[in-house]
Protein backbone atom coordinates (compact mmCIF):
# COMPACT_ATOMS: atom_id res chain seq x y z
CA MET A 1 65.78 20.51 -38.77
CA HIS A 2 65.11 21.73 -42.29
CA VAL A 3 65.11 18.78 -44.67
CA HIS A 4 66.07 19.44 -48.31
CA VAL A 5 64.84 16.95 -50.90
CA LEU A 6 66.61 17.18 -54.24
CA SER A 7 67.31 13.62 -55.45
CA PHE A 8 64.68 12.27 -57.82
CA ASP A 9 65.00 10.24 -60.99
CA VAL A 10 63.96 13.12 -63.25
CA THR A 11 65.65 14.25 -66.44
CA ILE A 12 65.27 17.93 -67.36
CA THR A 13 65.23 18.22 -71.13
CA ASP A 14 62.84 21.06 -71.94
CA THR A 15 62.63 24.47 -70.35
CA SER A 16 59.35 25.64 -71.80
CA PRO A 17 56.56 26.11 -69.23
CA ALA A 18 53.98 24.58 -71.53
CA SER A 19 55.74 21.25 -71.59
CA ALA A 20 55.51 21.08 -67.82
CA VAL A 21 51.74 20.97 -67.75
CA ARG A 22 50.76 19.55 -71.12
CA ALA A 23 49.05 16.17 -70.85
CA PRO A 24 49.46 13.66 -73.67
CA ALA A 25 46.61 13.76 -76.15
CA THR A 26 46.25 10.05 -76.72
CA GLY A 27 47.44 6.73 -75.43
CA ALA A 28 48.98 5.93 -72.07
CA PRO A 29 50.28 8.87 -70.02
CA ALA A 30 53.91 9.71 -70.80
CA GLU A 31 56.45 10.56 -68.14
CA GLN A 32 56.14 14.28 -67.45
CA THR A 33 59.17 16.46 -67.98
CA TRP A 34 60.09 18.44 -64.88
CA THR A 35 61.31 21.77 -66.18
CA PRO A 36 63.23 24.30 -64.02
CA ARG A 37 60.09 26.45 -63.81
CA LEU A 38 58.01 23.48 -62.69
CA TRP A 39 60.58 22.76 -59.97
CA GLY A 40 60.29 26.43 -58.98
CA VAL A 41 56.50 26.24 -58.69
CA LEU A 42 56.80 23.15 -56.49
CA ALA A 43 59.41 24.93 -54.35
CA VAL A 44 57.04 27.86 -53.73
CA LEU A 45 54.17 25.55 -52.77
CA CYS A 46 56.44 23.55 -50.47
CA ALA A 47 57.75 26.72 -48.84
CA VAL A 48 54.23 27.83 -47.95
CA LEU A 49 53.35 24.42 -46.51
CA PHE A 50 56.62 24.52 -44.57
CA LEU A 51 55.62 27.92 -43.17
CA ASP A 52 52.24 26.60 -42.04
CA GLY A 53 53.85 23.75 -40.10
CA LEU A 54 56.60 26.01 -38.75
CA ASP A 55 54.13 28.62 -37.50
CA VAL A 56 51.81 26.17 -35.72
CA SER A 57 54.56 24.34 -33.81
CA MET A 58 56.58 27.47 -32.92
CA VAL A 59 53.57 29.23 -31.42
CA GLY A 60 52.63 26.11 -29.46
CA VAL A 61 56.06 26.04 -27.81
CA ALA A 62 55.87 29.79 -26.99
CA LEU A 63 52.46 29.76 -25.27
CA PRO A 64 53.76 29.83 -21.66
CA SER A 65 55.97 32.85 -22.41
CA ILE A 66 53.09 34.64 -24.15
CA GLY A 67 50.84 34.09 -21.15
CA ALA A 68 53.46 35.37 -18.70
CA GLU A 69 54.16 38.60 -20.63
CA LEU A 70 50.58 39.47 -21.62
CA GLY A 71 48.94 38.21 -18.43
CA LEU A 72 46.74 35.64 -20.20
CA SER A 73 45.04 32.79 -18.38
CA THR A 74 45.18 29.22 -19.59
CA THR A 75 41.64 29.60 -20.98
CA SER A 76 42.71 32.66 -22.96
CA LEU A 77 45.91 31.00 -24.18
CA GLN A 78 44.00 28.13 -25.74
CA TRP A 79 42.36 30.57 -28.14
CA ILE A 80 45.74 31.49 -29.60
CA VAL A 81 45.68 27.93 -30.95
CA ASN A 82 41.94 27.52 -31.38
CA GLY A 83 41.52 30.89 -33.11
CA TYR A 84 43.74 29.55 -35.87
CA VAL A 85 41.72 26.32 -36.01
CA LEU A 86 38.45 28.26 -36.26
CA GLY A 87 39.60 30.29 -39.23
CA TYR A 88 41.37 27.41 -40.94
CA GLY A 89 38.88 24.59 -40.46
CA GLY A 90 35.81 26.74 -41.04
CA LEU A 91 36.82 28.24 -44.39
CA LEU A 92 38.86 25.54 -46.12
CA LEU A 93 36.05 24.45 -48.44
CA LEU A 94 35.23 28.03 -49.35
CA GLY A 95 38.92 28.64 -49.99
CA GLY A 96 39.22 25.71 -52.38
CA ARG A 97 36.08 26.62 -54.32
CA THR A 98 37.05 30.31 -54.48
CA ALA A 99 40.35 29.29 -56.10
CA ASP A 100 38.47 27.30 -58.75
CA LEU A 101 36.16 30.25 -59.50
CA LEU A 102 38.52 33.25 -59.28
CA GLY A 103 41.82 31.66 -60.32
CA ARG A 104 44.27 29.69 -58.22
CA ARG A 105 47.27 31.98 -58.67
CA ARG A 106 45.35 35.12 -57.69
CA VAL A 107 43.81 33.57 -54.56
CA PHE A 108 47.06 31.91 -53.48
CA LEU A 109 49.15 35.08 -53.70
CA ALA A 110 46.54 37.29 -52.01
CA ALA A 111 46.16 34.87 -49.10
CA LEU A 112 49.94 34.56 -48.71
CA ALA A 113 50.22 38.36 -48.46
CA VAL A 114 47.55 38.39 -45.73
CA PHE A 115 49.45 35.66 -43.86
CA ALA A 116 52.63 37.78 -43.89
CA VAL A 117 50.85 40.92 -42.64
CA ALA A 118 49.04 39.03 -39.87
CA SER A 119 52.36 37.49 -38.74
CA LEU A 120 53.95 40.92 -38.54
CA VAL A 121 51.05 42.43 -36.57
CA GLY A 122 50.99 39.43 -34.22
CA GLY A 123 54.64 39.99 -33.34
CA LEU A 124 54.05 43.67 -32.51
CA VAL A 125 50.80 43.76 -30.51
CA ASN A 126 50.68 44.04 -26.71
CA ASP A 127 47.07 42.99 -26.21
CA GLY A 128 45.97 39.38 -25.85
CA THR A 129 42.69 39.89 -27.68
CA LEU A 130 44.43 41.46 -30.68
CA LEU A 131 46.91 38.59 -30.70
CA ILE A 132 44.05 36.08 -30.86
CA VAL A 133 42.49 38.10 -33.71
CA THR A 134 45.75 37.90 -35.69
CA ARG A 135 45.78 34.13 -35.20
CA PHE A 136 42.22 33.92 -36.53
CA VAL A 137 43.20 36.00 -39.56
CA LYS A 138 46.21 33.74 -40.18
CA GLY A 139 43.86 30.77 -40.03
CA LEU A 140 41.65 32.46 -42.64
CA ALA A 141 44.69 33.00 -44.87
CA ALA A 142 45.81 29.40 -44.47
CA ALA A 143 42.28 28.26 -45.38
CA PHE A 144 42.90 29.78 -48.81
CA THR A 145 46.62 29.00 -49.28
CA ALA A 146 46.42 25.31 -48.28
CA PRO A 147 43.75 23.99 -50.70
CA THR A 148 44.90 26.39 -53.41
CA ALA A 149 48.50 25.20 -53.12
CA LEU A 150 47.37 21.58 -53.38
CA SER A 151 45.12 22.32 -56.37
CA ILE A 152 47.97 24.19 -58.12
CA LEU A 153 50.13 21.12 -57.53
CA THR A 154 47.55 18.61 -58.77
CA THR A 155 46.78 20.66 -61.90
CA SER A 156 50.47 21.30 -62.67
CA PHE A 157 51.54 17.65 -62.42
CA HIS A 158 49.94 14.88 -64.45
CA GLU A 159 47.93 12.29 -62.56
CA GLY A 160 50.16 9.28 -61.98
CA PRO A 161 53.92 9.08 -61.29
CA ALA A 162 54.61 12.83 -61.64
CA ARG A 163 51.81 13.87 -59.28
CA ASN A 164 52.61 11.14 -56.77
CA ARG A 165 56.26 12.21 -56.69
CA ALA A 166 55.29 15.87 -56.28
CA LEU A 167 52.90 15.02 -53.45
CA SER A 168 55.70 13.13 -51.70
CA VAL A 169 58.00 16.16 -51.88
CA PHE A 170 55.11 18.37 -50.74
CA SER A 171 54.50 16.27 -47.62
CA VAL A 172 58.22 16.27 -46.74
CA PHE A 173 58.14 20.03 -46.28
CA GLY A 174 55.00 19.91 -44.15
CA ALA A 175 56.64 17.42 -41.82
CA SER A 176 60.00 19.22 -41.76
CA GLY A 177 58.22 22.54 -41.10
CA TYR A 178 56.48 21.13 -38.05
CA SER A 179 59.67 19.43 -36.82
CA SER A 180 61.73 22.58 -37.39
CA GLY A 181 59.14 24.67 -35.56
CA LEU A 182 59.39 22.53 -32.44
CA ILE A 183 63.14 23.09 -32.17
CA LEU A 184 63.24 26.64 -33.53
CA GLY A 185 60.37 27.63 -31.24
CA GLY A 186 62.34 26.47 -28.22
CA LEU A 187 65.40 28.44 -29.31
CA LEU A 188 63.55 31.63 -30.32
CA THR A 189 61.45 31.69 -27.16
CA SER A 190 64.65 32.12 -25.15
CA PHE A 191 65.11 35.48 -26.93
CA GLY A 192 61.42 36.42 -26.72
CA TRP A 193 58.14 34.89 -27.89
CA ARG A 194 57.63 37.67 -30.46
CA TRP A 195 60.32 36.15 -32.65
CA THR A 196 58.11 33.10 -33.19
CA PHE A 197 55.63 35.44 -34.90
CA LEU A 198 58.15 37.65 -36.73
CA THR A 199 60.39 34.90 -38.15
CA PRO A 200 57.82 33.70 -40.76
CA VAL A 201 57.40 37.25 -42.17
CA PRO A 202 60.54 37.43 -44.38
CA LEU A 203 60.06 33.80 -45.44
CA ALA A 204 56.48 34.53 -46.52
CA LEU A 205 57.59 37.62 -48.45
CA ILE A 206 60.28 35.65 -50.30
CA ALA A 207 57.69 32.98 -51.21
CA LEU A 208 55.30 35.72 -52.35
CA VAL A 209 57.85 37.29 -54.71
CA ALA A 210 58.85 33.87 -56.07
CA GLY A 211 55.19 32.93 -56.55
CA ILE A 212 54.51 36.10 -58.55
CA ALA A 213 57.44 35.25 -60.83
CA LEU A 214 56.95 31.49 -61.21
CA ILE A 215 53.32 30.43 -60.82
CA PRO A 216 51.68 30.58 -64.26
CA ARG A 217 48.55 32.65 -64.71
CA ASP A 218 45.34 30.65 -64.87
CA LYS A 219 41.89 31.63 -65.97
CA PRO A 220 38.89 31.60 -63.65
CA ALA A 221 36.23 29.00 -64.35
CA ALA A 222 34.51 29.72 -67.68
CA GLU A 223 31.17 28.88 -66.11
CA GLY A 224 29.96 29.09 -62.56
CA GLY A 225 28.80 31.57 -60.02
CA HIS A 226 29.11 32.43 -56.38
CA ASP A 227 26.69 30.43 -54.31
CA LEU A 228 26.28 33.06 -51.58
CA VAL A 229 23.60 31.21 -49.62
CA GLY A 230 25.64 28.02 -49.73
CA ALA A 231 28.80 29.89 -48.70
CA ILE A 232 27.04 31.56 -45.75
CA THR A 233 25.36 28.38 -44.47
CA LEU A 234 28.46 26.22 -44.95
CA THR A 235 30.92 28.71 -43.47
CA GLY A 236 28.60 29.55 -40.59
CA GLY A 237 27.91 25.89 -39.87
CA MET A 238 31.59 24.91 -40.03
CA LEU A 239 32.76 27.82 -37.88
CA LEU A 240 30.09 27.11 -35.29
CA ALA A 241 30.84 23.37 -35.34
CA VAL A 242 34.58 23.94 -34.84
CA TYR A 243 33.91 26.55 -32.14
CA THR A 244 31.61 24.10 -30.34
CA VAL A 245 34.08 21.21 -30.29
CA VAL A 246 36.97 23.38 -29.04
CA SER A 247 34.96 25.19 -26.36
CA ALA A 248 32.78 22.32 -25.09
CA PRO A 249 35.47 20.75 -22.84
CA ASP A 250 35.57 23.94 -20.73
CA ARG A 251 31.87 24.79 -20.88
CA GLY A 252 30.53 21.23 -20.65
CA TRP A 253 29.01 18.98 -23.32
CA LEU A 254 25.53 19.22 -21.79
CA ASP A 255 25.65 22.97 -21.18
CA PRO A 256 22.68 24.77 -22.82
CA VAL A 257 25.04 26.97 -24.85
CA THR A 258 26.87 23.89 -26.16
CA LEU A 259 23.63 22.10 -27.04
CA GLY A 260 22.28 25.25 -28.68
CA SER A 261 25.47 25.62 -30.72
CA VAL A 262 25.24 22.01 -31.87
CA ALA A 263 21.61 22.47 -32.91
CA LEU A 264 22.32 25.70 -34.78
CA ALA A 265 25.38 24.26 -36.52
CA ALA A 266 23.34 21.23 -37.59
CA ALA A 267 20.54 23.48 -38.88
CA LEU A 268 22.99 25.55 -40.94
CA LEU A 269 24.64 22.47 -42.43
CA ILE A 270 21.26 20.92 -43.27
CA GLY A 271 20.31 24.22 -44.90
CA PHE A 272 23.53 24.03 -46.90
CA VAL A 273 22.71 20.55 -48.21
CA ILE A 274 19.22 21.70 -49.22
CA THR A 275 20.68 24.76 -50.95
CA GLU A 276 23.28 22.75 -52.89
CA ASN A 277 20.56 20.53 -54.34
CA LYS A 278 18.65 23.53 -55.68
CA VAL A 279 21.08 26.21 -56.89
CA ARG A 280 22.44 26.29 -60.44
CA HIS A 281 26.08 26.74 -59.44
CA PRO A 282 26.55 24.99 -56.07
CA LEU A 283 29.57 25.63 -53.88
CA ILE A 284 30.00 21.85 -53.63
CA ARG A 285 28.77 19.37 -56.18
CA LEU A 286 27.32 16.83 -53.76
CA GLY A 287 27.74 14.10 -56.35
CA ILE A 288 31.45 14.07 -55.50
CA LEU A 289 30.49 12.42 -52.22
CA ARG A 290 29.11 9.44 -54.12
CA ILE A 291 32.63 8.42 -55.13
CA GLY A 292 33.68 5.70 -52.69
CA THR A 293 37.42 6.38 -52.83
CA ILE A 294 36.92 10.07 -52.03
CA VAL A 295 34.65 9.34 -49.07
CA ARG A 296 37.14 6.76 -47.80
CA ALA A 297 40.05 9.21 -48.21
CA ASN A 298 38.20 11.87 -46.19
CA LEU A 299 37.38 9.42 -43.39
CA SER A 300 40.95 8.09 -43.42
CA ILE A 301 42.45 11.52 -42.91
CA VAL A 302 40.16 12.03 -39.91
CA ALA A 303 41.61 8.84 -38.42
CA LEU A 304 45.16 9.89 -39.29
CA PHE A 305 45.07 13.50 -38.11
CA GLY A 306 42.65 12.96 -35.25
CA SER A 307 44.65 10.18 -33.60
CA TYR A 308 48.17 11.46 -34.37
CA LEU A 309 47.69 15.08 -33.29
CA SER A 310 45.71 14.14 -30.18
CA PHE A 311 48.38 11.69 -29.04
CA GLN A 312 51.10 14.27 -29.62
CA PHE A 313 49.06 16.79 -27.60
CA MET A 314 48.90 14.38 -24.66
CA MET A 315 52.61 13.64 -24.83
CA THR A 316 53.37 17.38 -24.84
CA LEU A 317 51.32 17.85 -21.67
CA TYR A 318 52.87 14.85 -19.97
CA LEU A 319 56.49 15.66 -20.79
CA GLN A 320 56.27 19.37 -19.93
CA ASP A 321 53.63 19.61 -17.19
CA VAL A 322 54.18 16.30 -15.40
CA LEU A 323 57.86 15.53 -15.99
CA HIS A 324 58.77 19.25 -16.23
CA TRP A 325 60.91 18.86 -19.34
CA SER A 326 62.03 22.02 -21.15
CA PRO A 327 60.32 22.84 -24.48
CA LEU A 328 63.50 21.98 -26.39
CA LYS A 329 63.94 18.63 -24.63
CA MET A 330 60.28 17.82 -25.27
CA ALA A 331 60.69 18.71 -28.95
CA MET A 332 63.71 16.43 -29.29
CA ALA A 333 61.73 13.57 -27.71
CA LEU A 334 58.95 13.86 -30.31
CA LEU A 335 61.27 14.66 -33.22
CA PRO A 336 61.88 11.04 -34.42
CA ALA A 337 58.33 10.82 -35.79
CA GLY A 338 58.75 14.03 -37.79
CA LEU A 339 62.14 12.96 -39.12
CA LEU A 340 60.74 9.62 -40.24
CA VAL A 341 57.97 11.42 -42.13
CA ALA A 342 60.47 13.84 -43.68
CA PHE A 343 62.91 11.15 -44.84
CA GLY A 344 60.31 8.50 -45.70
CA SER A 345 57.81 10.58 -47.68
CA PRO A 346 59.99 10.97 -50.82
CA PHE A 347 59.73 7.23 -51.44
CA VAL A 348 55.96 7.03 -51.03
CA GLY A 349 55.29 8.36 -54.54
CA ARG A 350 57.12 5.41 -56.08
CA LEU A 351 55.25 2.99 -53.84
CA ILE A 352 51.93 4.52 -54.93
CA ASP A 353 52.97 4.03 -58.57
CA ARG A 354 53.69 0.37 -57.91
CA TYR A 355 50.98 -0.68 -55.46
CA GLY A 356 48.28 2.00 -55.60
CA THR A 357 46.93 4.08 -52.73
CA ALA A 358 44.70 1.51 -51.01
CA PRO A 359 47.44 -0.85 -49.71
CA LEU A 360 49.54 2.08 -48.50
CA ILE A 361 46.68 3.70 -46.60
CA PHE A 362 45.92 0.33 -45.01
CA SER A 363 49.60 0.01 -44.03
CA SER A 364 49.45 3.50 -42.56
CA MET A 365 46.45 2.66 -40.38
CA LEU A 366 48.07 -0.63 -39.33
CA SER A 367 51.26 1.17 -38.26
CA LEU A 368 49.28 3.78 -36.31
CA SER A 369 47.16 1.12 -34.58
CA LEU A 370 50.24 -0.93 -33.64
CA GLY A 371 51.89 2.20 -32.22
CA TYR A 372 48.99 3.00 -29.91
CA VAL A 373 48.51 -0.63 -28.89
CA TRP A 374 52.22 -0.92 -28.06
CA PHE A 375 52.00 2.20 -25.94
CA LEU A 376 48.95 0.95 -24.04
CA ALA A 377 50.55 -2.46 -23.50
CA THR A 378 53.87 -1.15 -22.16
CA ALA A 379 53.26 2.31 -20.67
CA GLY A 380 51.75 1.59 -17.26
CA ASP A 381 51.73 4.71 -15.08
CA THR A 382 55.34 5.73 -15.87
CA PRO A 383 56.16 5.05 -19.56
CA HIS A 384 59.87 4.59 -20.26
CA TYR A 385 61.09 6.69 -23.18
CA ALA A 386 63.39 4.18 -24.90
CA PHE A 387 61.09 1.17 -24.42
CA THR A 388 57.66 2.75 -24.88
CA VAL A 389 57.67 6.31 -26.22
CA LEU A 390 60.40 6.02 -28.88
CA PRO A 391 59.03 2.85 -30.58
CA THR A 392 55.56 4.40 -30.51
CA MET A 393 56.76 7.61 -32.18
CA LEU A 394 58.59 5.60 -34.85
CA LEU A 395 55.45 3.58 -35.64
CA LEU A 396 53.36 6.75 -35.74
CA GLY A 397 55.91 8.50 -37.96
CA GLY A 398 55.88 5.54 -40.36
CA GLY A 399 52.10 5.55 -40.39
CA PHE A 400 51.95 9.26 -41.15
CA ALA A 401 54.61 8.96 -43.87
CA PHE A 402 52.67 6.21 -45.67
CA GLY A 403 49.28 7.75 -45.08
CA PHE A 404 49.45 11.48 -45.82
CA SER A 405 50.62 11.41 -49.45
CA SER A 406 48.53 8.31 -50.22
CA ILE A 407 45.34 9.84 -48.82
CA MET A 408 45.92 13.10 -50.71
CA ALA A 409 46.49 11.19 -53.94
CA GLN A 410 43.37 9.08 -53.42
CA ALA A 411 41.27 12.16 -52.61
CA THR A 412 42.14 13.90 -55.90
CA ASP A 413 42.61 11.00 -58.35
CA GLY A 414 40.16 11.05 -61.25
CA ILE A 415 38.81 14.52 -60.38
CA ASP A 416 38.47 17.06 -63.18
CA ASP A 417 40.84 20.04 -63.02
CA SER A 418 37.88 22.37 -62.49
CA GLU A 419 37.13 20.61 -59.17
CA GLN A 420 40.64 19.97 -57.88
CA GLY A 421 40.30 22.90 -55.46
CA LEU A 422 37.04 21.46 -54.17
CA ALA A 423 38.49 17.96 -53.72
CA SER A 424 41.66 19.18 -51.99
CA GLY A 425 39.72 21.59 -49.78
CA LEU A 426 37.30 18.83 -48.84
CA VAL A 427 39.98 16.40 -47.68
CA GLN A 428 41.90 19.07 -45.76
CA THR A 429 38.69 20.25 -44.10
CA SER A 430 37.98 16.69 -43.02
CA GLY A 431 41.46 16.45 -41.52
CA GLN A 432 41.28 19.74 -39.61
CA VAL A 433 37.70 19.49 -38.36
CA GLY A 434 38.12 15.79 -37.60
CA ALA A 435 41.30 16.47 -35.63
CA ALA A 436 39.56 19.27 -33.70
CA LEU A 437 36.68 16.97 -32.82
CA VAL A 438 38.88 14.09 -31.66
CA LEU A 439 41.14 16.46 -29.72
CA ALA A 440 38.15 18.08 -28.00
CA VAL A 441 36.90 14.69 -26.80
CA VAL A 442 40.41 13.65 -25.77
CA THR A 443 40.79 16.87 -23.77
CA ALA A 444 37.51 16.19 -21.98
CA LEU A 445 38.60 12.62 -21.16
CA VAL A 446 41.99 13.75 -19.84
CA ALA A 447 40.41 16.47 -17.72
CA GLY A 448 37.90 13.99 -16.32
CA GLY A 449 40.61 11.46 -15.51
CA ALA A 450 43.00 13.90 -13.85
CA HIS A 451 43.93 12.82 -10.35
CA GLY A 452 47.33 14.44 -9.84
CA GLY A 453 50.51 12.68 -8.90
CA GLY A 454 53.92 13.55 -10.26
CA GLY A 455 55.10 11.35 -13.11
CA ASP A 456 51.78 9.51 -13.33
CA PHE A 457 50.47 8.89 -16.86
CA GLY A 458 47.26 7.27 -15.63
CA GLU A 459 45.07 10.32 -16.28
CA PHE A 460 45.98 10.19 -19.98
CA HIS A 461 45.02 6.54 -20.52
CA PRO A 462 41.36 7.28 -21.45
CA GLY A 463 42.59 9.64 -24.17
CA VAL A 464 45.03 7.05 -25.54
CA ASN A 465 42.20 4.49 -25.56
CA LEU A 466 40.15 6.88 -27.71
CA VAL A 467 42.89 7.61 -30.26
CA SER A 468 43.58 3.87 -30.47
CA GLY A 469 39.92 3.28 -31.29
CA VAL A 470 39.97 6.01 -33.94
CA ALA A 471 43.01 4.41 -35.61
CA VAL A 472 41.45 0.94 -35.52
CA VAL A 473 38.27 2.26 -37.17
CA GLY A 474 40.47 3.70 -39.94
CA LEU A 475 42.20 0.32 -40.24
CA VAL A 476 38.92 -1.58 -40.64
CA LEU A 477 37.59 1.03 -43.09
CA ASN A 478 40.55 0.44 -45.41
CA LEU A 479 40.69 -3.33 -44.87
CA ILE A 480 37.20 -3.88 -46.35
CA PRO A 481 38.01 -2.78 -49.94
CA LEU A 482 41.23 -4.82 -49.90
CA LEU A 483 39.31 -7.93 -48.88
CA ARG A 484 36.73 -7.27 -51.60
CA ARG A 485 39.50 -6.87 -54.18
CA THR A 486 41.16 -10.10 -53.05
CA ARG A 487 37.86 -11.98 -53.20
CA SER A 488 37.17 -10.65 -56.71
CA ALA A 489 40.64 -11.70 -57.87
CA LEU A 490 40.12 -15.23 -56.52
CA VAL A 491 36.72 -15.52 -58.24
C-alpha cells in the first residue's frame, strides 16, 4: 500500500526558493513558509527513502525464487541481504561526511544514479556472485543517499515545527515503502523475481530527474579536507565489524577467523579514534559524542531497529517456514505495524513541538517493551494471530511511529548545518550496525534452540527474550533523563 500524505496545516504564500530556507535573523523562530519548490524537494527525498524500503522488502520476499532459478544455497542467499548491509552500514558515516565536504546535491544525485544502474544490472544477471555484487553496490549507493537526503532535509527546514513536520512526512514514506514492498514483492515474484530488481529502476530515474530540477545547488564546505587515514580505518573497521556479525552465526563465535576479525576490526577502529584526535580536518569531530542527547539518540535507535527488525525476521521465518504461509499472506499478517507507522507518523511532528523528543522516545520504548512482553506472556508454543501476534504488531508499530521521527529529530537538533551530514550519518549508522549485531545474535540463538516440530514457536523464544531485553534497556536509558527533569522541576 502506497500511502500519500498531503494534509498539513501549511499556508503557501511565497514561491521564491530563498524564502523556503531563510532562517529569521533575530528573535524567536518564525513559522517557515512551505513553497511549492520546498514541497518538491521533500517529495524527491521521500521518494528515495520509499525506494530504499521498497527494495529491501521486495528482495526479501523473492529470495526463495532467486535461489531456485540460480541454484543458490541458503548460505549464498543470505549474502543477497547481507551484501546490502555490508555496503550500507559500513559506509554511512563516510557518506554523510562526503556530502558535507563535496556538496549534498552533487553526492545525492550521483549516488541515486548508481542505485538505478545497480538495480538494472541486478535484474539482468544470471550469476549468483554478480547478483550479490550488485546488492553490495546498491548498499554503497544507499550509504550516500540516506544520510545526504536527511541532511538536505534538516538544512532545508528550520529547526523546530517545520523540521519536525518534514521528518514526520519523511518517515511515512520509509514505512509505506517497506509495507508496499512486502505486498508488491509477493505479487511480482509470481511473474518472476527479476521484476523485484527492475521495478525500482524507472522510479529511481524519475526521482533523479526531479532532483536535478528541484534540489538547490549548495556549496562544498569552505574549509576542511579529506581525512584519508580516518576514512580508511573507519570504513575498514565498520565493514569488517558488520561482516563479522553477519557471518559469525554460520562460522561460530569462537572460530579463529571470527576472533581474528573482531580483533582486526577493533584495531582499525582504535586507530581511527587516534587519528581523529590528531588530524587537522577529522572525518568525525569526536566532540559531537560528548553531547548527551546525541549519544542517547544513537543508543535509542539501536534499541528500536535492533529489536523491531529482529522480531520481524523471526516472525517471517515462523510464518513461512513453520506454518508454510505464502509470502503474500505473511506480508498481510505483518502489515498492520507498517500501516500504523505510515498513518501515525504525520502527527508525531506536532507532538514533538508540544512535548519535545524525550517523552516521545520514552513512549516509543515503552510501547515496544509492552509488545514483546505481551508476546512472551501469551505466545506459548503456538501463538494465536488475533490474540498474540496482532496486538504485538500494533504495539510495535506504535512504538516505531513515535520513536523514529523523534530519535532523528533529537540526533540532529542543535547541530550546525556544516555537520548535519555527520549527525544524520552517525545515527543511521548506529541503527544499521546495531540492527545487524542484534540480528546476528538472535540468529545464533534461534539456530541453537532449533528442535523441529511443525507449528512450534519454542525455538524462537530465546530470540524474543533477547529483543525484549534490548527494548527494556532502551526504555531505562530514556527514563533516566525524564526522572532527572522531574526531580529538578520539583526542587
